[in-house]
Amino acid sequence: METYNITVKCKTEEERDIVLATLDEGIANYQAETLIEQGIVRYRPDSNVYFSKNEEQHWSEKKTVII
């Protein structure tokens, strides 16, 4: 079974807490803005979202940027 790991690189602990709250509770913040609207999750040209497969157990498995 393949697994996929998603990494979101946050700039601050506050951003990290918002991402975790969104995953736990399905909310981004009190204004209900998405993580993209808040600028926490970014795609193109300076993406901060990456994925890798199978727990990176093999040396050739590297994080891939999501664009």
C-alpha atoms as a PDB file:
ATOM      1  CA  MET A   1       0.000   0.000   0.000  1.00  0.00           C
ATOM      2  CA  GLU A   2       1.371   3.390  -0.965  1.00  0.00           C
ATOM      3  CA  THR A   3       1.114   6.329   1.364  1.00  0.00           C
ATOM      4  CA  TYR A   4       1.508  10.004   0.579  1.00  0.00           C
ATOM      5  CA  ASN A   5       2.960  12.616   2.894  1.00  0.00           C
ATOM      6  CA  ILE A   6       2.021  16.274   2.543  1.00  0.00           C
ATOM      7  CA  THR A   7       4.339  18.951   3.920  1.00  0.00           C
ATOM      8  CA  VAL A   8       3.278  22.576   4.338  1.00  0.00           C
ATOM      9  CA  LYS A   9       6.191  24.802   5.294  1.00  0.00           C
ATOM     10  CA  CYS A  10       4.852  27.532   7.573  1.00  0.00           C
ATOM     11  CA  LYS A  11       6.655  30.792   8.346  1.00  0.00           C
ATOM     12  CA  THR A  12       5.465  31.073  11.963  1.00  0.00           C
ATOM     13  CA  GLU A  13       4.057  28.984  14.791  1.00  0.00           C
ATOM     14  CA  GLU A  14       0.780  30.878  14.378  1.00  0.00           C
ATOM     15  CA  GLU A  15       0.521  29.715  10.749  1.00  0.00           C
ATOM     16  CA  ARG A  16       1.289  26.168  11.876  1.00  0.00           C
ATOM     17  CA  ASP A  17      -1.480  26.343  14.483  1.00  0.00           C
ATOM     18  CA  ILE A  18      -3.959  27.588  11.872  1.00  0.00           C
ATOM     19  CA  VAL A  19      -3.058  24.710   9.530  1.00  0.00           C
ATOM     20  CA  LEU A  20      -3.466  22.192  12.355  1.00  0.00           C
ATOM     21  CA  ALA A  21      -6.811  23.698  13.418  1.00  0.00           C
ATOM     22  CA  THR A  22      -7.974  23.527   9.810  1.00  0.00           C
ATOM     23  CA  LEU A  23      -7.086  19.841   9.633  1.00  0.00           C
ATOM     24  CA  ASP A  24      -8.621  19.079  13.030  1.00  0.00           C
ATOM     25  CA  GLU A  25     -11.781  21.159  12.831  1.00  0.00           C
ATOM     26  CA  GLY A  26     -12.197  21.998   9.156  1.00  0.00           C
ATOM     27  CA  ILE A  27     -11.917  25.740   9.765  1.00  0.00           C
ATOM     28  CA  ALA A  28      -9.200  28.145   8.704  1.00  0.00           C
ATOM     29  CA  ASN A  29      -9.926  31.015  11.110  1.00  0.00           C
ATOM     30  CA  TYR A  30     -12.760  33.071  12.496  1.00  0.00           C
ATOM     31  CA  GLN A  31     -13.393  34.751   9.132  1.00  0.00           C
ATOM     32  CA  ALA A  32     -13.530  31.321   7.456  1.00  0.00           C
ATOM     33  CA  GLU A  33     -10.901  32.298   4.899  1.00  0.00           C
ATOM     34  CA  THR A  34      -9.100  29.469   3.178  1.00  0.00           C
ATOM     35  CA  LEU A  35      -5.436  28.814   3.874  1.00  0.00           C
ATOM     36  CA  ILE A  36      -4.688  30.088   0.360  1.00  0.00           C
ATOM     37  CA  GLU A  37      -6.625  33.328   0.948  1.00  0.00           C
ATOM     38  CA  GLN A  38      -4.626  33.868   4.149  1.00  0.00           C
ATOM     39  CA  GLY A  39      -1.352  33.325   2.273  1.00  0.00           C
ATOM     40  CA  ILE A  40      -0.363  30.368   4.446  1.00  0.00           C
ATOM     41  CA  VAL A  41      -0.577  27.815   1.633  1.00  0.00           C
ATOM     42  CA  ARG A  42       1.056  29.017  -1.578  1.00  0.00           C
ATOM     43  CA  TYR A  43       1.332  27.543  -5.025  1.00  0.00           C
ATOM     44  CA  ARG A  44       3.264  28.995  -7.949  1.00  0.00           C
ATOM     45  CA  PRO A  45       5.683  30.595  -8.142  1.00  0.00           C
ATOM     46  CA  ASP A  46       6.875  30.203  -4.519  1.00  0.00           C
ATOM     47  CA  SER A  47       5.053  27.045  -3.466  1.00  0.00           C
ATOM     48  CA  ASN A  48       5.413  25.870   0.127  1.00  0.00           C
ATOM     49  CA  VAL A  49       3.487  22.599  -0.303  1.00  0.00           C
ATOM     50  CA  TYR A  50       5.370  19.352  -0.982  1.00  0.00           C
ATOM     51  CA  PHE A  51       4.557  15.658  -1.124  1.00  0.00           C
ATOM     52  CA  SER A  52       6.487  12.419  -0.900  1.00  0.00           C
ATOM     53  CA  LYS A  53       5.484   8.765  -1.086  1.00  0.00           C
ATOM     54  CA  ASN A  54       5.931   5.806   1.232  1.00  0.00           C
ATOM     55  CA  GLU A  55       7.490   7.547   4.224  1.00  0.00           C
ATOM     56  CA  GLU A  56      10.658   8.339   2.224  1.00  0.00           C
ATOM     57  CA  GLN A  57      12.112   4.972   3.222  1.00  0.00           C
ATOM     58  CA  HIS A  58      14.232   4.696   0.091  1.00  0.00           C
ATOM     59  CA  TRP A  59      17.147   7.069  -0.511  1.00  0.00           C
ATOM     60  CA  SER A  60      15.773   8.118  -3.893  1.00  0.00           C
ATOM     61  CA  GLU A  61      12.387   9.219  -2.494  1.00  0.00           C
ATOM     62  CA  LYS A  62      12.489  12.987  -2.221  1.00  0.00           C
ATOM     63  CA  LYS A  63       9.896  15.636  -1.558  1.00  0.00           C
ATOM     64  CA  THR A  64       8.250  16.969  -4.708  1.00  0.00           C
ATOM     65  CA  VAL A  65       6.868  20.469  -4.864  1.00  0.00           C
ATOM     66  CA  ILE A  66       3.144  20.763  -5.654  1.00  0.00           C
ATOM     67  CA  ILE A  67       2.604  23.437  -8.299  1.00  0.00           C
END
